[in-house]
Amino acid sequence: MHTHKPPRRSGHGTDDRDYRLLFVLTLPLFLSAAIVAKVLPARWRPWPPSDQSTRSIFAEARAAAGAYLPYAMMG
């Protein structure tokens, strides 16, 4: 029996997959940064306080990854 594989699409499908892979691989880095930021006093935190300072550590890590990863995908 012969199975036919659909051709790989270039463009947005590949970019989406690459973004998700990069997101999953860098999330532990952003998670550790969010943990350190929660432990530090407010004046030493690496980013300015926001009105969403009550977010969970995981929500902060996802937000940081979502903010910085699009720059990695440019080019």
PDB file of N, CA and C in Angstrom:
ATOM      1  N   MET A   1       0.844  -1.157   0.000  1.00  0.00           N
ATOM      2  CA  MET A   1       0.000   0.000   0.000  1.00  0.00           C
ATOM      3  C   MET A   1       0.901   1.236   0.000  1.00  0.00           C
ATOM      4  N   HIS A   2       0.587   2.163  -0.892  1.00  0.00           N
ATOM      5  CA  HIS A   2       1.357   3.386  -1.022  1.00  0.00           C
ATOM      6  C   HIS A   2       0.600   4.533  -0.352  1.00  0.00           C
ATOM      7  N   THR A   3       1.281   5.227   0.539  1.00  0.00           N
ATOM      8  CA  THR A   3       0.649   6.378   1.167  1.00  0.00           C
ATOM      9  C   THR A   3       1.225   7.633   0.555  1.00  0.00           C
ATOM     10  N   HIS A   4       0.370   8.560   0.307  1.00  0.00           N
ATOM     11  CA  HIS A   4       0.775   9.822  -0.316  1.00  0.00           C
ATOM     12  C   HIS A   4       0.835  10.884   0.759  1.00  0.00           C
ATOM     13  N   LYS A   5       1.997  11.517   0.885  1.00  0.00           N
ATOM     14  CA  LYS A   5       2.143  12.606   1.836  1.00  0.00           C
ATOM     15  C   LYS A   5       1.836  13.910   1.131  1.00  0.00           C
ATOM     16  N   PRO A   6       1.058  14.770   1.757  1.00  0.00           N
ATOM     17  CA  PRO A   6       0.797  16.073   1.143  1.00  0.00           C
ATOM     18  C   PRO A   6       2.086  16.897   1.137  1.00  0.00           C
ATOM     19  N   PRO A   7       2.260  17.730   0.133  1.00  0.00           N
ATOM     20  CA  PRO A   7       3.472  18.550   0.082  1.00  0.00           C
ATOM     21  C   PRO A   7       3.518  19.526   1.243  1.00  0.00           C
ATOM     22  N   ARG A   8       4.735  19.812   1.689  1.00  0.00           N
ATOM     23  CA  ARG A   8       4.901  20.790   2.760  1.00  0.00           C
ATOM     24  C   ARG A   8       4.603  22.168   2.220  1.00  0.00           C
ATOM     25  N   ARG A   9       3.789  22.865   2.952  1.00  0.00           N
ATOM     26  CA  ARG A   9       3.455  24.225   2.538  1.00  0.00           C
ATOM     27  C   ARG A   9       4.485  25.194   3.082  1.00  0.00           C
ATOM     28  N   SER A  10       4.885  26.091   2.243  1.00  0.00           N
ATOM     29  CA  SER A  10       5.746  27.152   2.737  1.00  0.00           C
ATOM     30  C   SER A  10       4.869  28.333   3.089  1.00  0.00           C
ATOM     31  N   GLY A  11       5.375  29.182   3.895  1.00  0.00           N
ATOM     32  CA  GLY A  11       4.596  30.360   4.251  1.00  0.00           C
ATOM     33  C   GLY A  11       4.068  30.276   5.658  1.00  0.00           C
ATOM     34  N   HIS A  12       2.809  30.609   5.816  1.00  0.00           N
ATOM     35  CA  HIS A  12       2.249  30.782   7.152  1.00  0.00           C
ATOM     36  C   HIS A  12       2.188  29.488   7.946  1.00  0.00           C
ATOM     37  N   GLY A  13       1.926  28.375   7.339  1.00  0.00           N
ATOM     38  CA  GLY A  13       1.854  27.116   8.075  1.00  0.00           C
ATOM     39  C   GLY A  13       3.180  26.765   8.719  1.00  0.00           C
ATOM     40  N   THR A  14       4.249  26.929   7.984  1.00  0.00           N
ATOM     41  CA  THR A  14       5.578  26.658   8.518  1.00  0.00           C
ATOM     42  C   THR A  14       5.943  27.680   9.583  1.00  0.00           C
ATOM     43  N   ASP A  15       5.608  28.931   9.359  1.00  0.00           N
ATOM     44  CA  ASP A  15       5.898  29.970  10.344  1.00  0.00           C
ATOM     45  C   ASP A  15       5.156  29.711  11.649  1.00  0.00           C
ATOM     46  N   ASP A  16       3.912  29.288  11.561  1.00  0.00           N
ATOM     47  CA  ASP A  16       3.138  28.991  12.765  1.00  0.00           C
ATOM     48  C   ASP A  16       3.772  27.855  13.551  1.00  0.00           C
ATOM     49  N   ARG A  17       4.173  26.820  12.842  1.00  0.00           N
ATOM     50  CA  ARG A  17       4.802  25.676  13.506  1.00  0.00           C
ATOM     51  C   ARG A  17       6.132  26.079  14.141  1.00  0.00           C
ATOM     52  N   ASP A  18       6.921  26.867  13.431  1.00  0.00           N
ATOM     53  CA  ASP A  18       8.202  27.333  13.972  1.00  0.00           C
ATOM     54  C   ASP A  18       7.996  28.210  15.194  1.00  0.00           C
ATOM     55  N   TYR A  19       6.990  29.079  15.143  1.00  0.00           N
ATOM     56  CA  TYR A  19       6.695  29.951  16.282  1.00  0.00           C
ATOM     57  C   TYR A  19       6.301  29.123  17.501  1.00  0.00           C
ATOM     58  N   ARG A  20       5.442  28.144  17.292  1.00  0.00           N
ATOM     59  CA  ARG A  20       5.012  27.301  18.416  1.00  0.00           C
ATOM     60  C   ARG A  20       6.183  26.522  19.005  1.00  0.00           C
ATOM     61  N   LEU A  21       7.053  26.006  18.146  1.00  0.00           N
ATOM     62  CA  LEU A  21       8.220  25.273  18.620  1.00  0.00           C
ATOM     63  C   LEU A  21       9.133  26.192  19.427  1.00  0.00           C
ATOM     64  N   LEU A  22       9.395  27.371  18.919  1.00  0.00           N
ATOM     65  CA  LEU A  22      10.229  28.332  19.630  1.00  0.00           C
ATOM     66  C   LEU A  22       9.571  28.752  20.942  1.00  0.00           C
ATOM     67  N   PHE A  23       8.265  28.902  20.936  1.00  0.00           N
ATOM     68  CA  PHE A  23       7.529  29.260  22.150  1.00  0.00           C
ATOM     69  C   PHE A  23       7.705  28.183  23.216  1.00  0.00           C
ATOM     70  N   VAL A  24       7.547  26.922  22.831  1.00  0.00           N
ATOM     71  CA  VAL A  24       7.664  25.817  23.782  1.00  0.00           C
ATOM     72  C   VAL A  24       9.099  25.696  24.299  1.00  0.00           C
ATOM     73  N   LEU A  25      10.064  25.923  23.429  1.00  0.00           N
ATOM     74  CA  LEU A  25      11.458  25.791  23.849  1.00  0.00           C
ATOM     75  C   LEU A  25      11.927  26.926  24.753  1.00  0.00           C
ATOM     76  N   THR A  26      11.376  28.116  24.577  1.00  0.00           N
ATOM     77  CA  THR A  26      11.825  29.254  25.379  1.00  0.00           C
ATOM     78  C   THR A  26      10.936  29.523  26.593  1.00  0.00           C
ATOM     79  N   LEU A  27       9.803  28.881  26.682  1.00  0.00           N
ATOM     80  CA  LEU A  27       8.917  29.110  27.821  1.00  0.00           C
ATOM     81  C   LEU A  27       9.603  28.829  29.161  1.00  0.00           C
ATOM     82  N   PRO A  28      10.412  27.782  29.301  1.00  0.00           N
ATOM     83  CA  PRO A  28      11.112  27.595  30.580  1.00  0.00           C
ATOM     84  C   PRO A  28      12.029  28.771  30.943  1.00  0.00           C
ATOM     85  N   LEU A  29      12.646  29.391  29.963  1.00  0.00           N
ATOM     86  CA  LEU A  29      13.482  30.558  30.223  1.00  0.00           C
ATOM     87  C   LEU A  29      12.637  31.717  30.747  1.00  0.00           C
ATOM     88  N   PHE A  30      11.521  31.990  30.086  1.00  0.00           N
ATOM     89  CA  PHE A  30      10.633  33.059  30.527  1.00  0.00           C
ATOM     90  C   PHE A  30       9.978  32.721  31.865  1.00  0.00           C
ATOM     91  N   LEU A  31       9.718  31.453  32.105  1.00  0.00           N
ATOM     92  CA  LEU A  31       9.140  31.041  33.380  1.00  0.00           C
ATOM     93  C   LEU A  31      10.136  31.270  34.514  1.00  0.00           C
ATOM     94  N   SER A  32      11.389  30.935  34.300  1.00  0.00           N
ATOM     95  CA  SER A  32      12.385  31.171  35.348  1.00  0.00           C
ATOM     96  C   SER A  32      12.571  32.666  35.588  1.00  0.00           C
ATOM     97  N   ALA A  33      12.522  33.486  34.543  1.00  0.00           N
ATOM     98  CA  ALA A  33      12.624  34.936  34.717  1.00  0.00           C
ATOM     99  C   ALA A  33      11.427  35.474  35.498  1.00  0.00           C
ATOM    100  N   ALA A  34      10.252  34.937  35.263  1.00  0.00           N
ATOM    101  CA  ALA A  34       9.061  35.379  35.991  1.00  0.00           C
ATOM    102  C   ALA A  34       9.138  34.978  37.458  1.00  0.00           C
ATOM    103  N   ILE A  35       9.696  33.810  37.732  1.00  0.00           N
ATOM    104  CA  ILE A  35       9.858  33.376  39.125  1.00  0.00           C
ATOM    105  C   ILE A  35      10.837  34.295  39.852  1.00  0.00           C
ATOM    106  N   VAL A  36      11.965  34.592  39.213  1.00  0.00           N
ATOM    107  CA  VAL A  36      12.950  35.489  39.821  1.00  0.00           C
ATOM    108  C   VAL A  36      12.345  36.870  40.037  1.00  0.00           C
ATOM    109  N   ALA A  37      11.576  37.354  39.075  1.00  0.00           N
ATOM    110  CA  ALA A  37      10.965  38.672  39.200  1.00  0.00           C
ATOM    111  C   ALA A  37       9.955  38.718  40.345  1.00  0.00           C
ATOM    112  N   LYS A  38       9.254  37.630  40.597  1.00  0.00           N
ATOM    113  CA  LYS A  38       8.300  37.597  41.716  1.00  0.00           C
ATOM    114  C   LYS A  38       9.015  37.629  43.057  1.00  0.00           C
ATOM    115  N   VAL A  39      10.211  37.055  43.119  1.00  0.00           N
ATOM    116  CA  VAL A  39      10.966  36.990  44.363  1.00  0.00           C
ATOM    117  C   VAL A  39      11.641  38.330  44.671  1.00  0.00           C
ATOM    118  N   LEU A  40      12.042  39.052  43.623  1.00  0.00           N
ATOM    119  CA  LEU A  40      12.734  40.327  43.813  1.00  0.00           C
ATOM    120  C   LEU A  40      11.800  41.395  44.367  1.00  0.00           C
ATOM    121  N   PRO A  41      12.359  42.339  45.109  1.00  0.00           N
ATOM    122  CA  PRO A  41      11.538  43.483  45.516  1.00  0.00           C
ATOM    123  C   PRO A  41      11.059  44.253  44.287  1.00  0.00           C
ATOM    124  N   ALA A  42       9.967  44.964  44.420  1.00  0.00           N
ATOM    125  CA  ALA A  42       9.337  45.641  43.280  1.00  0.00           C
ATOM    126  C   ALA A  42      10.283  46.609  42.586  1.00  0.00           C
ATOM    127  N   ARG A  43      11.129  47.275  43.332  1.00  0.00           N
ATOM    128  CA  ARG A  43      12.010  48.271  42.702  1.00  0.00           C
ATOM    129  C   ARG A  43      13.137  47.627  41.902  1.00  0.00           C
ATOM    130  N   TRP A  44      13.416  46.337  42.103  1.00  0.00           N
ATOM    131  CA  TRP A  44      14.492  45.658  41.374  1.00  0.00           C
ATOM    132  C   TRP A  44      13.985  44.831  40.194  1.00  0.00           C
ATOM    133  N   ARG A  45      12.705  44.814  39.992  1.00  0.00           N
ATOM    134  CA  ARG A  45      12.158  43.976  38.917  1.00  0.00           C
ATOM    135  C   ARG A  45      12.604  44.478  37.556  1.00  0.00           C
ATOM    136  N   PRO A  46      12.849  43.565  36.626  1.00  0.00           N
ATOM    137  CA  PRO A  46      13.397  43.960  35.326  1.00  0.00           C
ATOM    138  C   PRO A  46      12.419  44.685  34.414  1.00  0.00           C
ATOM    139  N   TRP A  47      11.135  44.655  34.700  1.00  0.00           N
ATOM    140  CA  TRP A  47      10.167  45.358  33.875  1.00  0.00           C
ATOM    141  C   TRP A  47       9.284  46.215  34.775  1.00  0.00           C
ATOM    142  N   PRO A  48       8.713  47.246  34.204  1.00  0.00           N
ATOM    143  CA  PRO A  48       7.894  48.149  35.025  1.00  0.00           C
ATOM    144  C   PRO A  48       6.624  47.460  35.506  1.00  0.00           C
ATOM    145  N   PRO A  49       6.119  47.894  36.652  1.00  0.00           N
ATOM    146  CA  PRO A  49       4.879  47.297  37.154  1.00  0.00           C
ATOM    147  C   PRO A  49       3.709  47.630  36.239  1.00  0.00           C
ATOM    148  N   SER A  50       2.774  46.734  36.179  1.00  0.00           N
ATOM    149  CA  SER A  50       1.588  46.959  35.353  1.00  0.00           C
ATOM    150  C   SER A  50       0.343  46.763  36.207  1.00  0.00           C
ATOM    151  N   ASP A  51      -0.780  47.093  35.628  1.00  0.00           N
ATOM    152  CA  ASP A  51      -2.035  46.895  36.344  1.00  0.00           C
ATOM    153  C   ASP A  51      -2.399  45.417  36.413  1.00  0.00           C
ATOM    154  N   GLN A  52      -1.656  44.577  35.718  1.00  0.00           N
ATOM    155  CA  GLN A  52      -1.890  43.135  35.755  1.00  0.00           C
ATOM    156  C   GLN A  52      -0.844  42.434  36.622  1.00  0.00           C
ATOM    157  N   SER A  53      -0.373  43.095  37.665  1.00  0.00           N
ATOM    158  CA  SER A  53       0.681  42.529  38.504  1.00  0.00           C
ATOM    159  C   SER A  53       0.200  41.335  39.319  1.00  0.00           C
ATOM    160  N   THR A  54      -1.091  41.091  39.348  1.00  0.00           N
ATOM    161  CA  THR A  54      -1.617  39.958  40.100  1.00  0.00           C
ATOM    162  C   THR A  54      -1.708  38.694  39.249  1.00  0.00           C
ATOM    163  N   ARG A  55      -1.156  38.735  38.036  1.00  0.00           N
ATOM    164  CA  ARG A  55      -1.186  37.550  37.182  1.00  0.00           C
ATOM    165  C   ARG A  55      -0.351  36.431  37.792  1.00  0.00           C
ATOM    166  N   SER A  56      -0.645  35.217  37.405  1.00  0.00           N
ATOM    167  CA  SER A  56       0.148  34.082  37.866  1.00  0.00           C
ATOM    168  C   SER A  56       1.509  34.097  37.185  1.00  0.00           C
ATOM    169  N   ILE A  57       2.410  33.316  37.706  1.00  0.00           N
ATOM    170  CA  ILE A  57       3.751  33.232  37.129  1.00  0.00           C
ATOM    171  C   ILE A  57       3.667  32.691  35.707  1.00  0.00           C
ATOM    172  N   PHE A  58       2.797  31.725  35.488  1.00  0.00           N
ATOM    173  CA  PHE A  58       2.656  31.149  34.147  1.00  0.00           C
ATOM    174  C   PHE A  58       2.091  32.167  33.159  1.00  0.00           C
ATOM    175  N   ALA A  59       1.144  32.976  33.621  1.00  0.00           N
ATOM    176  CA  ALA A  59       0.576  34.011  32.747  1.00  0.00           C
ATOM    177  C   ALA A  59       1.633  35.062  32.410  1.00  0.00           C
ATOM    178  N   GLU A  60       2.465  35.410  33.369  1.00  0.00           N
ATOM    179  CA  GLU A  60       3.538  36.363  33.090  1.00  0.00           C
ATOM    180  C   GLU A  60       4.547  35.796  32.107  1.00  0.00           C
ATOM    181  N   ALA A  61       4.881  34.518  32.253  1.00  0.00           N
ATOM    182  CA  ALA A  61       5.832  33.878  31.334  1.00  0.00           C
ATOM    183  C   ALA A  61       5.262  33.817  29.925  1.00  0.00           C
ATOM    184  N   ARG A  62       3.986  33.454  29.795  1.00  0.00           N
ATOM    185  CA  ARG A  62       3.356  33.410  28.464  1.00  0.00           C
ATOM    186  C   ARG A  62       3.295  34.799  27.848  1.00  0.00           C
ATOM    187  N   ALA A  63       2.992  35.811  28.660  1.00  0.00           N
ATOM    188  CA  ALA A  63       2.922  37.178  28.141  1.00  0.00           C
ATOM    189  C   ALA A  63       4.295  37.659  27.683  1.00  0.00           C
ATOM    190  N   ALA A  64       5.337  37.339  28.444  1.00  0.00           N
ATOM    191  CA  ALA A  64       6.691  37.744  28.056  1.00  0.00           C
ATOM    192  C   ALA A  64       7.116  37.036  26.780  1.00  0.00           C
ATOM    193  N   ALA A  65       6.832  35.752  26.669  1.00  0.00           N
ATOM    194  CA  ALA A  65       7.178  35.012  25.456  1.00  0.00           C
ATOM    195  C   ALA A  65       6.406  35.567  24.262  1.00  0.00           C
ATOM    196  N   GLY A  66       5.145  35.859  24.456  1.00  0.00           N
ATOM    197  CA  GLY A  66       4.340  36.424  23.375  1.00  0.00           C
ATOM    198  C   GLY A  66       4.798  37.804  22.948  1.00  0.00           C
ATOM    199  N   ALA A  67       5.431  38.537  23.871  1.00  0.00           N
ATOM    200  CA  ALA A  67       5.913  39.879  23.545  1.00  0.00           C
ATOM    201  C   ALA A  67       7.261  39.850  22.836  1.00  0.00           C
ATOM    202  N   TYR A  68       8.130  38.920  23.196  1.00  0.00           N
ATOM    203  CA  TYR A  68       9.488  38.918  22.658  1.00  0.00           C
ATOM    204  C   TYR A  68       9.699  37.998  21.459  1.00  0.00           C
ATOM    205  N   LEU A  69       8.953  36.919  21.349  1.00  0.00           N
ATOM    206  CA  LEU A  69       9.184  35.965  20.263  1.00  0.00           C
ATOM    207  C   LEU A  69       8.877  36.484  18.863  1.00  0.00           C
ATOM    208  N   PRO A  70       7.915  37.374  18.672  1.00  0.00           N
ATOM    209  CA  PRO A  70       7.719  37.873  17.298  1.00  0.00           C
ATOM    210  C   PRO A  70       8.969  38.536  16.732  1.00  0.00           C
ATOM    211  N   TYR A  71       9.788  39.121  17.589  1.00  0.00           N
ATOM    212  CA  TYR A  71      11.029  39.719  17.107  1.00  0.00           C
ATOM    213  C   TYR A  71      11.995  38.659  16.597  1.00  0.00           C
ATOM    214  N   ALA A  72      11.972  37.481  17.193  1.00  0.00           N
ATOM    215  CA  ALA A  72      12.825  36.389  16.736  1.00  0.00           C
ATOM    216  C   ALA A  72      12.366  35.840  15.390  1.00  0.00           C
ATOM    217  N   MET A  73      11.084  36.014  15.078  1.00  0.00           N
ATOM    218  CA  MET A  73      10.543  35.474  13.845  1.00  0.00           C
ATOM    219  C   MET A  73      10.671  36.459  12.661  1.00  0.00           C
ATOM    220  N   MET A  74      11.120  37.673  12.930  1.00  0.00           N
ATOM    221  CA  MET A  74      11.288  38.647  11.843  1.00  0.00           C
ATOM    222  C   MET A  74      12.493  38.271  10.991  1.00  0.00           C
ATOM    223  N   GLY A  75      12.398  38.565   9.752  1.00  0.00           N
ATOM    224  CA  GLY A  75      13.573  38.376   8.918  1.00  0.00           C
ATOM    225  C   GLY A  75      13.440  37.426   7.841  1.00  0.00           C
TER     226      GLY A  75
END
